[in-house]
């Protein structure tokens, strides 16, 4: 049976639920980190509201439950430590552990890609880590390519991935 998932912008009153969902989605990586580093990551993940102010918080809803989320940053709002300002970017992609592997993360990414195209971005960027093997595989299937190595954070390796959307500009 096909699961019906609605992709839409988050409502202000859903922020606490999105923050909990995001922490739950990344909890699987807690064992790969020291307890101190997991606490730092958990605190950063709980800060979805601040990151969402840079762009648009998009959620995936199944029945009455939020099952995924992502922050889309249009050109001019991306974190300049990670992407040039003219790029669009996506951040904090999260899918509830119960719903992973069902294409929800891909649908959230595609929603961001569609928005980036509407915003006439030539490139979309994101950053991901060595821990996120399934996510990296999904990004690569969507056409993202590993671009540059980013500094280690919390004892793990990060990379920037890019997707060229139009015109082949860098």
N, C-alpha and C. Protein backbone atom coordinates (compact mmCIF):
# COMPACT_ATOMS: atom_id res chain seq x y z
N UNK A 1 0.84 -1.18 0.00
CA UNK A 1 0.00 0.00 0.00
C UNK A 1 0.88 1.24 0.00
N UNK A 2 0.57 2.19 -0.85
CA UNK A 2 1.35 3.41 -0.97
C UNK A 2 1.06 4.33 0.20
N UNK A 3 2.12 4.80 0.85
CA UNK A 3 1.97 5.72 1.97
C UNK A 3 1.80 7.13 1.42
N UNK A 4 0.76 7.81 1.85
CA UNK A 4 0.50 9.18 1.42
C UNK A 4 1.30 10.13 2.31
N UNK A 5 2.17 10.90 1.69
CA UNK A 5 2.98 11.87 2.41
C UNK A 5 2.77 13.23 1.76
N UNK A 6 2.48 14.22 2.57
CA UNK A 6 2.30 15.59 2.09
C UNK A 6 3.56 16.37 2.41
N UNK A 7 4.11 17.05 1.41
CA UNK A 7 5.27 17.91 1.60
C UNK A 7 4.74 19.35 1.62
N UNK A 8 5.06 20.08 2.69
CA UNK A 8 4.53 21.43 2.85
C UNK A 8 5.45 22.25 3.75
N UNK A 9 5.20 23.55 3.80
CA UNK A 9 5.96 24.39 4.73
C UNK A 9 5.47 24.13 6.15
N UNK A 10 6.40 24.20 7.10
CA UNK A 10 6.07 23.97 8.50
C UNK A 10 5.26 25.14 9.05
N UNK A 11 4.46 24.85 10.03
CA UNK A 11 3.71 25.87 10.76
C UNK A 11 4.52 26.26 11.99
N UNK A 12 4.38 27.49 12.42
CA UNK A 12 5.15 27.99 13.57
C UNK A 12 4.95 27.11 14.80
N UNK A 13 3.73 26.64 15.01
CA UNK A 13 3.45 25.85 16.21
C UNK A 13 4.03 24.42 16.14
N UNK A 14 4.62 24.05 15.01
CA UNK A 14 5.22 22.72 14.86
C UNK A 14 6.71 22.69 15.18
N UNK A 15 7.30 23.82 15.54
CA UNK A 15 8.75 23.90 15.71
C UNK A 15 9.28 22.90 16.74
N UNK A 16 8.63 22.76 17.88
CA UNK A 16 9.11 21.81 18.90
C UNK A 16 9.07 20.38 18.37
N UNK A 17 8.02 20.05 17.63
CA UNK A 17 7.91 18.70 17.06
C UNK A 17 9.01 18.46 16.03
N UNK A 18 9.32 19.47 15.22
CA UNK A 18 10.38 19.34 14.22
C UNK A 18 11.73 19.18 14.91
N UNK A 19 11.96 19.93 15.97
CA UNK A 19 13.23 19.80 16.69
C UNK A 19 13.38 18.40 17.28
N UNK A 20 12.32 17.86 17.87
CA UNK A 20 12.38 16.49 18.41
C UNK A 20 12.62 15.46 17.32
N UNK A 21 11.92 15.62 16.20
CA UNK A 21 12.09 14.72 15.06
C UNK A 21 13.53 14.75 14.57
N UNK A 22 14.12 15.94 14.49
CA UNK A 22 15.49 16.08 13.99
C UNK A 22 16.48 15.37 14.90
N UNK A 23 16.35 15.57 16.20
CA UNK A 23 17.25 14.89 17.15
C UNK A 23 17.07 13.38 17.04
N UNK A 24 15.82 12.91 16.98
CA UNK A 24 15.56 11.47 16.86
C UNK A 24 16.18 10.89 15.59
N UNK A 25 16.09 11.64 14.48
CA UNK A 25 16.63 11.16 13.21
C UNK A 25 18.14 10.99 13.25
N UNK A 26 18.82 11.85 14.00
CA UNK A 26 20.28 11.80 14.05
C UNK A 26 20.81 10.97 15.22
N UNK A 27 19.93 10.52 16.10
CA UNK A 27 20.35 9.78 17.30
C UNK A 27 21.14 8.51 16.95
N UNK A 28 20.88 7.94 15.77
CA UNK A 28 21.61 6.73 15.38
C UNK A 28 23.12 6.95 15.30
N UNK A 29 23.54 8.20 15.17
CA UNK A 29 24.97 8.51 15.07
C UNK A 29 25.60 8.77 16.43
N UNK A 30 24.81 8.78 17.49
CA UNK A 30 25.33 9.13 18.81
C UNK A 30 26.41 8.17 19.29
N UNK A 31 26.29 6.89 18.93
CA UNK A 31 27.29 5.91 19.37
C UNK A 31 28.64 6.11 18.69
N UNK A 32 28.66 6.78 17.54
CA UNK A 32 29.91 7.03 16.82
C UNK A 32 30.64 8.25 17.35
N UNK A 33 30.00 8.98 18.26
CA UNK A 33 30.58 10.20 18.83
C UNK A 33 30.86 10.01 20.31
N UNK A 34 31.74 10.83 20.84
CA UNK A 34 31.90 10.84 22.30
C UNK A 34 30.61 11.40 22.89
N UNK A 35 30.36 11.14 24.15
CA UNK A 35 29.12 11.67 24.75
C UNK A 35 29.11 13.19 24.74
N UNK A 36 30.27 13.82 24.94
CA UNK A 36 30.34 15.29 24.88
C UNK A 36 30.02 15.78 23.47
N UNK A 37 30.58 15.12 22.45
CA UNK A 37 30.32 15.55 21.07
C UNK A 37 28.87 15.30 20.67
N UNK A 38 28.27 14.21 21.17
CA UNK A 38 26.85 13.98 20.89
C UNK A 38 26.01 15.10 21.51
N UNK A 39 26.34 15.52 22.71
CA UNK A 39 25.58 16.59 23.36
C UNK A 39 25.69 17.89 22.57
N UNK A 40 26.88 18.18 22.01
CA UNK A 40 27.04 19.37 21.17
C UNK A 40 26.19 19.23 19.91
N UNK A 41 26.24 18.05 19.27
CA UNK A 41 25.45 17.83 18.07
C UNK A 41 23.96 17.91 18.38
N UNK A 42 23.55 17.30 19.49
CA UNK A 42 22.14 17.32 19.88
C UNK A 42 21.66 18.76 20.09
N UNK A 43 22.48 19.57 20.73
CA UNK A 43 22.12 20.98 20.95
C UNK A 43 22.00 21.72 19.62
N UNK A 44 22.93 21.46 18.69
CA UNK A 44 22.87 22.08 17.36
C UNK A 44 21.62 21.65 16.61
N UNK A 45 21.28 20.36 16.69
CA UNK A 45 20.11 19.84 16.00
C UNK A 45 18.82 20.41 16.59
N UNK A 46 18.85 20.72 17.86
CA UNK A 46 17.68 21.29 18.53
C UNK A 46 17.47 22.76 18.18
N UNK A 47 18.39 23.31 17.41
CA UNK A 47 18.34 24.73 17.06
C UNK A 47 17.76 24.94 15.66
N UNK A 48 16.84 24.08 15.27
CA UNK A 48 16.23 24.16 13.95
C UNK A 48 15.60 25.53 13.72
N UNK A 49 14.97 26.09 14.74
CA UNK A 49 14.27 27.37 14.59
C UNK A 49 15.22 28.46 14.10
N UNK A 50 16.41 28.52 14.64
CA UNK A 50 17.37 29.55 14.25
C UNK A 50 17.83 29.32 12.80
N UNK A 51 18.11 28.08 12.46
CA UNK A 51 18.56 27.77 11.09
C UNK A 51 17.43 28.01 10.09
N UNK A 52 16.21 27.68 10.49
CA UNK A 52 15.06 27.87 9.61
C UNK A 52 14.81 29.35 9.30
N UNK A 53 15.29 30.25 10.15
CA UNK A 53 15.13 31.68 9.87
C UNK A 53 15.91 32.10 8.63
N UNK A 54 16.93 31.31 8.24
CA UNK A 54 17.70 31.61 7.04
C UNK A 54 16.93 31.25 5.78
N UNK A 55 15.91 30.43 5.91
CA UNK A 55 15.22 29.96 4.71
C UNK A 55 13.81 29.54 5.01
N UNK A 56 13.45 28.37 4.50
CA UNK A 56 12.09 27.84 4.64
C UNK A 56 12.17 26.45 5.23
N UNK A 57 11.43 26.23 6.29
CA UNK A 57 11.36 24.91 6.90
C UNK A 57 10.25 24.13 6.21
N UNK A 58 10.63 23.02 5.59
CA UNK A 58 9.70 22.18 4.85
C UNK A 58 9.54 20.87 5.63
N UNK A 59 8.32 20.39 5.72
CA UNK A 59 8.07 19.15 6.46
C UNK A 59 7.37 18.14 5.57
N UNK A 60 7.51 16.88 5.97
CA UNK A 60 6.77 15.78 5.37
C UNK A 60 5.77 15.31 6.42
N UNK A 61 4.52 15.18 6.02
CA UNK A 61 3.46 14.79 6.95
C UNK A 61 2.78 13.52 6.44
N UNK A 62 2.63 12.55 7.33
CA UNK A 62 1.88 11.33 7.03
C UNK A 62 0.78 11.23 8.07
N UNK A 63 -0.47 11.12 7.63
CA UNK A 63 -1.63 11.22 8.51
C UNK A 63 -1.49 12.54 9.28
N UNK A 64 -1.49 12.50 10.57
CA UNK A 64 -1.37 13.74 11.36
C UNK A 64 0.04 13.90 11.93
N UNK A 65 0.97 13.05 11.48
CA UNK A 65 2.32 13.06 12.07
C UNK A 65 3.35 13.68 11.14
N UNK A 66 4.25 14.46 11.72
CA UNK A 66 5.40 14.93 10.96
C UNK A 66 6.40 13.80 10.92
N UNK A 67 6.88 13.46 9.73
CA UNK A 67 7.78 12.32 9.57
C UNK A 67 9.13 12.71 8.97
N UNK A 68 9.27 13.98 8.58
CA UNK A 68 10.53 14.45 8.03
C UNK A 68 10.54 15.95 7.93
N UNK A 69 11.75 16.50 7.78
CA UNK A 69 11.89 17.95 7.64
C UNK A 69 13.23 18.28 6.99
N UNK A 70 13.29 19.50 6.45
CA UNK A 70 14.51 20.02 5.85
C UNK A 70 14.40 21.54 5.83
N UNK A 71 15.52 22.22 5.89
CA UNK A 71 15.54 23.66 5.73
C UNK A 71 16.08 23.96 4.33
N UNK A 72 15.29 24.68 3.54
CA UNK A 72 15.72 25.15 2.23
C UNK A 72 16.18 26.59 2.38
N UNK A 73 17.40 26.88 1.92
CA UNK A 73 17.95 28.23 1.96
C UNK A 73 18.08 28.74 0.52
N UNK A 74 17.28 29.74 0.15
CA UNK A 74 17.38 30.29 -1.20
C UNK A 74 18.71 31.01 -1.41
N UNK A 75 19.05 31.30 -2.65
CA UNK A 75 20.27 32.08 -2.89
C UNK A 75 20.25 33.36 -2.05
N UNK A 76 21.43 33.68 -1.51
CA UNK A 76 21.55 34.87 -0.68
C UNK A 76 21.34 34.61 0.79
N UNK A 77 20.92 33.37 1.14
CA UNK A 77 20.68 33.07 2.56
C UNK A 77 21.51 31.89 3.06
N UNK A 78 22.25 31.24 2.17
CA UNK A 78 23.04 30.07 2.58
C UNK A 78 24.17 30.50 3.52
N UNK A 79 24.58 29.59 4.36
CA UNK A 79 25.69 29.81 5.29
C UNK A 79 26.97 29.99 4.46
N UNK A 80 27.55 31.18 4.49
CA UNK A 80 28.71 31.47 3.62
C UNK A 80 29.96 30.70 4.04
N UNK A 81 29.94 30.08 5.20
CA UNK A 81 31.06 29.22 5.58
C UNK A 81 31.02 27.91 4.79
N UNK A 82 29.84 27.60 4.23
CA UNK A 82 29.65 26.34 3.52
C UNK A 82 29.43 26.51 2.02
N UNK A 83 28.78 27.59 1.63
CA UNK A 83 28.41 27.79 0.23
C UNK A 83 28.55 29.26 -0.16
N UNK A 84 28.92 29.52 -1.40
CA UNK A 84 28.89 30.91 -1.88
C UNK A 84 27.47 31.47 -1.75
N UNK A 85 27.34 32.76 -1.53
CA UNK A 85 26.01 33.34 -1.28
C UNK A 85 25.02 33.18 -2.42
N UNK A 86 25.50 33.04 -3.66
CA UNK A 86 24.56 32.93 -4.79
C UNK A 86 23.97 31.52 -4.92
N UNK A 87 24.47 30.58 -4.16
CA UNK A 87 23.95 29.21 -4.20
C UNK A 87 22.72 29.08 -3.32
N UNK A 88 21.86 28.16 -3.68
CA UNK A 88 20.82 27.68 -2.78
C UNK A 88 21.45 26.53 -1.98
N UNK A 89 20.85 26.20 -0.85
CA UNK A 89 21.37 25.06 -0.09
C UNK A 89 20.25 24.41 0.69
N UNK A 90 20.53 23.22 1.16
CA UNK A 90 19.60 22.55 2.06
C UNK A 90 20.36 22.15 3.31
N UNK A 91 19.66 22.18 4.42
CA UNK A 91 20.29 21.89 5.71
C UNK A 91 19.35 21.06 6.57
N UNK A 92 19.94 20.32 7.46
CA UNK A 92 19.21 19.57 8.49
C UNK A 92 18.12 18.65 7.94
N UNK A 93 18.43 17.93 6.88
CA UNK A 93 17.48 16.94 6.40
C UNK A 93 17.32 15.87 7.47
N UNK A 94 16.08 15.60 7.84
CA UNK A 94 15.81 14.61 8.89
C UNK A 94 14.55 13.83 8.54
N UNK A 95 14.62 12.52 8.75
CA UNK A 95 13.45 11.66 8.59
C UNK A 95 13.35 10.81 9.84
N UNK A 96 12.16 10.76 10.39
CA UNK A 96 11.92 9.96 11.59
C UNK A 96 12.41 8.52 11.36
N UNK A 97 13.10 7.95 12.34
CA UNK A 97 13.63 6.58 12.16
C UNK A 97 12.58 5.57 11.70
N UNK A 98 11.35 5.70 12.16
CA UNK A 98 10.28 4.77 11.76
C UNK A 98 9.95 4.85 10.28
N UNK A 99 10.30 5.96 9.64
CA UNK A 99 9.89 6.19 8.26
C UNK A 99 11.07 6.24 7.29
N UNK A 100 12.27 5.96 7.77
CA UNK A 100 13.44 6.00 6.89
C UNK A 100 13.37 4.85 5.88
N UNK A 101 13.97 5.09 4.71
CA UNK A 101 14.00 4.07 3.67
C UNK A 101 12.76 4.01 2.82
N UNK A 102 11.87 5.00 2.96
CA UNK A 102 10.62 5.00 2.20
C UNK A 102 10.54 6.16 1.21
N UNK A 103 11.68 6.81 0.95
CA UNK A 103 11.72 7.86 -0.06
C UNK A 103 11.34 9.24 0.43
N UNK A 104 11.13 9.40 1.73
CA UNK A 104 10.72 10.70 2.27
C UNK A 104 11.87 11.70 2.19
N UNK A 105 13.07 11.28 2.52
CA UNK A 105 14.23 12.17 2.42
C UNK A 105 14.43 12.63 0.98
N UNK A 106 14.26 11.73 0.05
CA UNK A 106 14.39 12.08 -1.37
C UNK A 106 13.32 13.09 -1.76
N UNK A 107 12.09 12.90 -1.33
CA UNK A 107 11.02 13.84 -1.67
C UNK A 107 11.29 15.22 -1.08
N UNK A 108 11.84 15.27 0.13
CA UNK A 108 12.18 16.56 0.74
C UNK A 108 13.30 17.24 -0.04
N UNK A 109 14.30 16.45 -0.46
CA UNK A 109 15.40 17.00 -1.28
C UNK A 109 14.86 17.53 -2.60
N UNK A 110 13.99 16.77 -3.25
CA UNK A 110 13.42 17.20 -4.52
C UNK A 110 12.60 18.49 -4.36
N UNK A 111 11.92 18.63 -3.23
CA UNK A 111 11.18 19.87 -2.98
C UNK A 111 12.15 21.05 -2.90
N UNK A 112 13.30 20.85 -2.28
CA UNK A 112 14.32 21.90 -2.21
C UNK A 112 14.89 22.21 -3.59
N UNK A 113 15.17 21.16 -4.36
CA UNK A 113 15.71 21.35 -5.71
C UNK A 113 14.71 22.13 -6.57
N UNK A 114 13.43 21.78 -6.47
CA UNK A 114 12.40 22.50 -7.23
C UNK A 114 12.38 23.98 -6.84
N UNK A 115 12.47 24.27 -5.55
CA UNK A 115 12.48 25.66 -5.10
C UNK A 115 13.72 26.39 -5.59
N UNK A 116 14.86 25.70 -5.57
CA UNK A 116 16.10 26.32 -6.05
C UNK A 116 15.98 26.67 -7.53
N UNK A 117 15.38 25.78 -8.30
CA UNK A 117 15.18 26.07 -9.73
C UNK A 117 14.24 27.25 -9.92
N UNK A 118 13.17 27.31 -9.14
CA UNK A 118 12.24 28.44 -9.21
C UNK A 118 12.96 29.74 -8.84
N UNK A 119 13.91 29.65 -7.91
CA UNK A 119 14.68 30.82 -7.48
C UNK A 119 15.84 31.12 -8.43
N UNK A 120 15.94 30.33 -9.51
CA UNK A 120 16.97 30.51 -10.54
C UNK A 120 18.39 30.35 -10.01
N UNK A 121 18.54 29.51 -8.98
CA UNK A 121 19.88 29.17 -8.49
C UNK A 121 20.56 28.27 -9.52
N UNK A 122 21.83 28.49 -9.75
CA UNK A 122 22.57 27.64 -10.67
C UNK A 122 23.16 26.43 -9.97
N UNK A 123 23.36 26.55 -8.64
CA UNK A 123 23.97 25.47 -7.87
C UNK A 123 23.23 25.34 -6.54
N UNK A 124 23.08 24.11 -6.11
CA UNK A 124 22.56 23.82 -4.77
C UNK A 124 23.66 23.10 -4.01
N UNK A 125 23.89 23.50 -2.77
CA UNK A 125 24.90 22.88 -1.95
C UNK A 125 24.32 22.29 -0.68
N UNK A 126 25.08 21.41 -0.08
CA UNK A 126 24.74 20.84 1.22
C UNK A 126 26.03 20.33 1.83
N UNK A 127 26.00 20.05 3.13
CA UNK A 127 27.16 19.40 3.73
C UNK A 127 26.68 18.16 4.48
N UNK A 128 27.53 17.17 4.49
CA UNK A 128 27.19 15.90 5.12
C UNK A 128 28.47 15.27 5.64
N UNK A 129 28.32 14.24 6.46
CA UNK A 129 29.50 13.66 7.12
C UNK A 129 29.72 12.21 6.75
N UNK A 130 30.85 11.71 7.19
CA UNK A 130 31.21 10.31 6.97
C UNK A 130 30.21 9.36 7.61
N UNK A 131 29.51 9.80 8.64
CA UNK A 131 28.55 8.94 9.33
C UNK A 131 27.30 8.70 8.50
N UNK A 132 26.99 9.60 7.61
CA UNK A 132 25.71 9.60 6.92
C UNK A 132 25.80 8.90 5.57
N UNK A 133 26.14 7.63 5.61
CA UNK A 133 26.37 6.84 4.40
C UNK A 133 25.11 6.75 3.55
N UNK A 134 23.97 6.44 4.17
CA UNK A 134 22.71 6.32 3.40
C UNK A 134 22.33 7.65 2.78
N UNK A 135 22.51 8.73 3.51
CA UNK A 135 22.16 10.05 2.98
C UNK A 135 23.07 10.40 1.80
N UNK A 136 24.36 10.13 1.93
CA UNK A 136 25.29 10.44 0.84
C UNK A 136 24.91 9.66 -0.42
N UNK A 137 24.54 8.41 -0.24
CA UNK A 137 24.12 7.58 -1.38
C UNK A 137 22.89 8.20 -2.05
N UNK A 138 21.94 8.66 -1.25
CA UNK A 138 20.73 9.28 -1.79
C UNK A 138 21.09 10.56 -2.54
N UNK A 139 21.94 11.40 -1.94
CA UNK A 139 22.34 12.66 -2.60
C UNK A 139 22.98 12.36 -3.96
N UNK A 140 23.85 11.36 -3.98
CA UNK A 140 24.53 11.02 -5.23
C UNK A 140 23.54 10.52 -6.28
N UNK A 141 22.54 9.74 -5.88
CA UNK A 141 21.51 9.29 -6.83
C UNK A 141 20.72 10.46 -7.39
N UNK A 142 20.60 11.54 -6.61
CA UNK A 142 19.89 12.73 -7.07
C UNK A 142 20.77 13.63 -7.94
N UNK A 143 22.05 13.26 -8.08
CA UNK A 143 22.95 14.02 -8.93
C UNK A 143 23.94 14.92 -8.21
N UNK A 144 23.88 14.96 -6.88
CA UNK A 144 24.87 15.73 -6.13
C UNK A 144 26.23 15.06 -6.26
N UNK A 145 27.27 15.87 -6.29
CA UNK A 145 28.64 15.35 -6.35
C UNK A 145 29.45 15.91 -5.19
N UNK A 146 30.29 15.05 -4.64
CA UNK A 146 31.19 15.51 -3.58
C UNK A 146 32.10 16.58 -4.16
N UNK A 147 32.18 17.71 -3.48
CA UNK A 147 32.89 18.87 -4.00
C UNK A 147 34.20 19.09 -3.24
N UNK A 148 34.11 19.50 -2.00
CA UNK A 148 35.31 19.75 -1.21
C UNK A 148 35.20 19.11 0.16
N UNK A 149 36.35 18.84 0.72
CA UNK A 149 36.43 18.34 2.09
C UNK A 149 36.34 19.54 3.02
N UNK A 150 35.51 19.42 4.04
CA UNK A 150 35.35 20.48 5.03
C UNK A 150 36.13 20.10 6.28
N UNK A 151 36.42 21.06 7.14
CA UNK A 151 37.15 20.74 8.37
C UNK A 151 36.38 19.73 9.22
N UNK A 152 37.15 18.89 9.92
CA UNK A 152 36.54 17.94 10.86
C UNK A 152 35.79 18.72 11.93
N UNK A 153 34.64 18.19 12.32
CA UNK A 153 33.86 18.73 13.43
C UNK A 153 33.41 17.57 14.28
N UNK A 154 33.51 17.74 15.57
CA UNK A 154 33.07 16.72 16.52
C UNK A 154 33.77 15.38 16.26
N UNK A 155 34.98 15.47 15.72
CA UNK A 155 35.77 14.27 15.48
C UNK A 155 35.39 13.50 14.23
N UNK A 156 34.57 14.08 13.35
CA UNK A 156 34.17 13.38 12.14
C UNK A 156 34.42 14.24 10.90
N UNK A 157 34.57 13.56 9.77
CA UNK A 157 34.85 14.21 8.49
C UNK A 157 33.55 14.69 7.84
N UNK A 158 33.60 15.88 7.27
CA UNK A 158 32.47 16.45 6.53
C UNK A 158 32.91 16.80 5.11
N UNK A 159 31.94 16.80 4.19
CA UNK A 159 32.17 17.21 2.82
C UNK A 159 31.04 18.13 2.39
N UNK A 160 31.35 18.95 1.42
CA UNK A 160 30.30 19.72 0.75
C UNK A 160 29.95 18.96 -0.52
N UNK A 161 28.68 18.86 -0.79
CA UNK A 161 28.16 18.27 -2.02
C UNK A 161 27.48 19.37 -2.82
N UNK A 162 27.55 19.28 -4.14
CA UNK A 162 26.91 20.28 -5.00
C UNK A 162 26.10 19.59 -6.09
N UNK A 163 25.06 20.29 -6.49
CA UNK A 163 24.23 19.88 -7.61
C UNK A 163 24.14 21.08 -8.54
N UNK A 164 24.62 20.91 -9.76
CA UNK A 164 24.54 21.97 -10.75
C UNK A 164 23.14 21.95 -11.35
N UNK A 165 22.45 23.07 -11.26
CA UNK A 165 21.04 23.13 -11.67
C UNK A 165 20.86 23.73 -13.05
N UNK A 166 21.68 24.73 -13.38
CA UNK A 166 21.48 25.42 -14.66
C UNK A 166 22.77 26.11 -15.06
N UNK A 167 23.04 26.15 -16.33
CA UNK A 167 24.13 26.94 -16.85
C UNK A 167 25.53 26.44 -16.53
N UNK A 168 25.66 25.45 -15.66
CA UNK A 168 26.96 24.90 -15.34
C UNK A 168 27.88 25.83 -14.58
N UNK A 169 27.37 26.92 -14.03
CA UNK A 169 28.22 27.83 -13.26
C UNK A 169 28.64 27.17 -11.97
N UNK A 170 29.74 27.64 -11.44
CA UNK A 170 30.23 27.05 -10.19
C UNK A 170 29.85 27.88 -9.02
